[in-house]
Amino acid sequence: MEILKLLIPALIILVIVVLGLGVGIFFGKKKKFPTTSISKNKEMAKRNITCASHDERHACGIKGGCCGGENH
């Protein structure tokens, strides 16, 4: 019974937080999710970070990019 006194408020808080995040994403001004593909992410390109597949292809001498990225 004591565990329910702790579990129920924790679940209520969790539901409120998840709903709040969902409302923020759904009704927020920025309707676009951030780019997660490394080859298309501008911030990763600024830091000269490439995806692992591209690094492997480059190390093996295979020409062409991957993941829709540019050819290096």
N, C-alpha and C. Protein backbone atom coordinates (compact mmCIF):
# COMPACT_ATOMS: atom_id res chain seq x y z
N MET A 1 0.81 -1.20 0.00
CA MET A 1 0.00 0.00 0.00
C MET A 1 0.86 1.27 0.00
N GLU A 2 2.00 1.19 0.68
CA GLU A 2 2.89 2.36 0.73
C GLU A 2 3.51 2.64 -0.63
N ILE A 3 3.73 1.58 -1.41
CA ILE A 3 4.32 1.78 -2.73
C ILE A 3 3.35 2.53 -3.64
N LEU A 4 2.06 2.32 -3.47
CA LEU A 4 1.07 3.03 -4.28
C LEU A 4 1.04 4.52 -3.97
N LYS A 5 1.33 4.88 -2.71
CA LYS A 5 1.38 6.30 -2.34
C LYS A 5 2.51 7.02 -3.07
N LEU A 6 3.53 6.29 -3.44
CA LEU A 6 4.65 6.87 -4.17
C LEU A 6 4.46 6.70 -5.68
N LEU A 7 3.95 5.56 -6.10
CA LEU A 7 3.84 5.23 -7.52
C LEU A 7 2.78 6.07 -8.23
N ILE A 8 1.64 6.27 -7.63
CA ILE A 8 0.56 7.01 -8.28
C ILE A 8 0.94 8.47 -8.54
N PRO A 9 1.48 9.22 -7.57
CA PRO A 9 1.90 10.60 -7.88
C PRO A 9 3.03 10.65 -8.92
N ALA A 10 3.92 9.67 -8.88
CA ALA A 10 5.01 9.64 -9.86
C ALA A 10 4.45 9.42 -11.26
N LEU A 11 3.49 8.54 -11.40
CA LEU A 11 2.87 8.29 -12.70
C LEU A 11 2.09 9.50 -13.20
N ILE A 12 1.41 10.18 -12.29
CA ILE A 12 0.66 11.39 -12.66
C ILE A 12 1.62 12.46 -13.17
N ILE A 13 2.73 12.65 -12.47
CA ILE A 13 3.73 13.63 -12.90
C ILE A 13 4.31 13.24 -14.25
N LEU A 14 4.59 11.97 -14.45
CA LEU A 14 5.14 11.48 -15.71
C LEU A 14 4.17 11.73 -16.87
N VAL A 15 2.89 11.47 -16.65
CA VAL A 15 1.88 11.69 -17.69
C VAL A 15 1.79 13.18 -18.02
N ILE A 16 1.83 14.03 -17.02
CA ILE A 16 1.77 15.48 -17.25
C ILE A 16 2.97 15.95 -18.07
N VAL A 17 4.14 15.45 -17.74
CA VAL A 17 5.36 15.83 -18.46
C VAL A 17 5.30 15.36 -19.92
N VAL A 18 4.89 14.12 -20.14
CA VAL A 18 4.81 13.59 -21.51
C VAL A 18 3.78 14.37 -22.32
N LEU A 19 2.63 14.66 -21.74
CA LEU A 19 1.62 15.45 -22.44
C LEU A 19 2.13 16.86 -22.74
N GLY A 20 2.84 17.44 -21.79
CA GLY A 20 3.39 18.77 -22.01
C GLY A 20 4.40 18.79 -23.14
N LEU A 21 5.26 17.78 -23.22
CA LEU A 21 6.22 17.70 -24.31
C LEU A 21 5.50 17.49 -25.64
N GLY A 22 4.47 16.65 -25.63
CA GLY A 22 3.71 16.42 -26.86
C GLY A 22 3.02 17.67 -27.35
N VAL A 23 2.43 18.42 -26.44
CA VAL A 23 1.76 19.67 -26.82
C VAL A 23 2.79 20.66 -27.34
N GLY A 24 3.95 20.72 -26.72
CA GLY A 24 5.00 21.63 -27.17
C GLY A 24 5.48 21.29 -28.56
N ILE A 25 5.61 20.02 -28.87
CA ILE A 25 6.04 19.62 -30.20
C ILE A 25 4.93 19.86 -31.22
N PHE A 26 3.70 19.53 -30.86
CA PHE A 26 2.59 19.63 -31.80
C PHE A 26 2.21 21.07 -32.11
N PHE A 27 2.19 21.91 -31.09
CA PHE A 27 1.75 23.29 -31.27
C PHE A 27 2.89 24.30 -31.33
N GLY A 28 4.12 23.85 -31.25
CA GLY A 28 5.25 24.76 -31.27
C GLY A 28 5.40 25.46 -32.61
N LYS A 29 6.08 26.58 -32.62
CA LYS A 29 6.27 27.35 -33.84
C LYS A 29 7.17 26.62 -34.83
N LYS A 30 8.18 25.95 -34.31
CA LYS A 30 9.12 25.25 -35.17
C LYS A 30 8.54 23.87 -35.48
N LYS A 31 8.03 23.70 -36.68
CA LYS A 31 7.35 22.46 -37.06
C LYS A 31 8.29 21.41 -37.63
N LYS A 32 9.57 21.69 -37.70
CA LYS A 32 10.52 20.80 -38.34
C LYS A 32 11.41 20.15 -37.28
N PHE A 33 11.53 18.83 -37.34
CA PHE A 33 12.42 18.14 -36.42
C PHE A 33 13.86 18.35 -36.87
N PRO A 34 14.80 18.34 -35.93
CA PRO A 34 16.20 18.53 -36.32
C PRO A 34 16.69 17.36 -37.18
N THR A 35 17.60 17.66 -38.09
CA THR A 35 18.16 16.63 -38.96
C THR A 35 19.05 15.72 -38.15
N THR A 36 18.77 14.42 -38.21
CA THR A 36 19.56 13.47 -37.45
C THR A 36 20.57 12.74 -38.29
N SER A 37 20.43 12.79 -39.61
CA SER A 37 21.40 12.16 -40.48
C SER A 37 22.69 12.97 -40.45
N ILE A 38 23.79 12.33 -40.16
CA ILE A 38 25.05 13.03 -40.00
C ILE A 38 25.46 13.73 -41.29
N SER A 39 25.21 13.08 -42.43
CA SER A 39 25.66 13.66 -43.69
C SER A 39 24.87 14.90 -44.08
N LYS A 40 23.68 15.09 -43.53
CA LYS A 40 22.85 16.25 -43.88
C LYS A 40 22.78 17.30 -42.78
N ASN A 41 23.42 17.05 -41.66
CA ASN A 41 23.37 17.96 -40.53
C ASN A 41 24.42 19.05 -40.68
N LYS A 42 23.97 20.30 -40.71
CA LYS A 42 24.89 21.43 -40.94
C LYS A 42 25.89 21.60 -39.80
N GLU A 43 25.44 21.37 -38.57
CA GLU A 43 26.35 21.52 -37.43
C GLU A 43 27.45 20.47 -37.44
N MET A 44 27.11 19.25 -37.86
CA MET A 44 28.13 18.20 -37.98
C MET A 44 29.12 18.54 -39.09
N ALA A 45 28.61 19.11 -40.19
CA ALA A 45 29.49 19.48 -41.30
C ALA A 45 30.47 20.58 -40.87
N LYS A 46 29.99 21.52 -40.04
CA LYS A 46 30.87 22.58 -39.54
C LYS A 46 32.03 22.00 -38.74
N ARG A 47 31.76 20.92 -38.03
CA ARG A 47 32.78 20.28 -37.19
C ARG A 47 33.55 19.20 -37.94
N ASN A 48 33.26 19.06 -39.25
CA ASN A 48 33.93 18.10 -40.13
C ASN A 48 33.73 16.66 -39.64
N ILE A 49 32.52 16.36 -39.16
CA ILE A 49 32.19 15.02 -38.69
C ILE A 49 31.41 14.31 -39.79
N THR A 50 31.85 13.12 -40.15
CA THR A 50 31.17 12.33 -41.18
C THR A 50 30.65 11.04 -40.55
N CYS A 51 29.78 10.36 -41.29
CA CYS A 51 29.21 9.13 -40.75
C CYS A 51 30.23 7.99 -40.85
N ALA A 52 30.03 6.96 -40.06
CA ALA A 52 30.96 5.83 -40.00
C ALA A 52 31.05 5.12 -41.35
N SER A 53 29.94 5.01 -42.06
CA SER A 53 29.95 4.34 -43.37
C SER A 53 30.84 5.10 -44.35
N HIS A 54 30.75 6.42 -44.32
CA HIS A 54 31.59 7.23 -45.20
C HIS A 54 33.07 7.04 -44.84
N ASP A 55 33.37 7.03 -43.55
CA ASP A 55 34.75 6.84 -43.12
C ASP A 55 35.29 5.49 -43.57
N GLU A 56 34.47 4.44 -43.47
CA GLU A 56 34.88 3.11 -43.90
C GLU A 56 35.11 3.07 -45.41
N ARG A 57 34.20 3.67 -46.17
CA ARG A 57 34.36 3.69 -47.63
C ARG A 57 35.64 4.44 -48.01
N HIS A 58 35.88 5.55 -47.36
CA HIS A 58 37.08 6.34 -47.65
C HIS A 58 38.34 5.55 -47.30
N ALA A 59 38.33 4.85 -46.17
CA ALA A 59 39.50 4.08 -45.74
C ALA A 59 39.79 2.92 -46.70
N CYS A 60 38.74 2.36 -47.30
CA CYS A 60 38.90 1.23 -48.22
C CYS A 60 39.17 1.69 -49.65
N GLY A 61 39.15 2.98 -49.89
CA GLY A 61 39.41 3.50 -51.22
C GLY A 61 38.22 3.48 -52.14
N ILE A 62 37.02 3.29 -51.59
CA ILE A 62 35.81 3.28 -52.39
C ILE A 62 35.35 4.72 -52.56
N LYS A 63 35.14 5.13 -53.81
CA LYS A 63 34.73 6.51 -54.07
C LYS A 63 33.24 6.67 -53.87
N GLY A 64 32.83 7.87 -53.55
CA GLY A 64 31.42 8.19 -53.38
C GLY A 64 31.05 8.37 -51.93
N GLY A 65 30.00 9.12 -51.73
CA GLY A 65 29.51 9.35 -50.38
C GLY A 65 28.49 8.30 -49.98
N CYS A 66 27.87 8.53 -48.89
CA CYS A 66 26.84 7.61 -48.41
C CYS A 66 25.75 8.42 -47.71
N CYS A 67 24.68 7.79 -47.39
CA CYS A 67 23.61 8.43 -46.63
C CYS A 67 23.07 9.68 -47.32
N GLY A 68 23.22 9.76 -48.62
CA GLY A 68 22.74 10.93 -49.33
C GLY A 68 23.66 12.12 -49.21
N GLY A 69 24.84 11.90 -48.68
CA GLY A 69 25.79 13.00 -48.51
C GLY A 69 26.55 13.28 -49.78
N GLU A 70 27.41 14.26 -49.69
CA GLU A 70 28.18 14.63 -50.86
C GLU A 70 29.37 13.69 -51.04
N ASN A 71 29.91 13.66 -52.23
CA ASN A 71 31.05 12.81 -52.52
C ASN A 71 32.33 13.52 -52.10
N HIS A 72 33.11 12.85 -51.29
CA HIS A 72 34.39 13.42 -50.83
C HIS A 72 35.53 12.70 -51.49
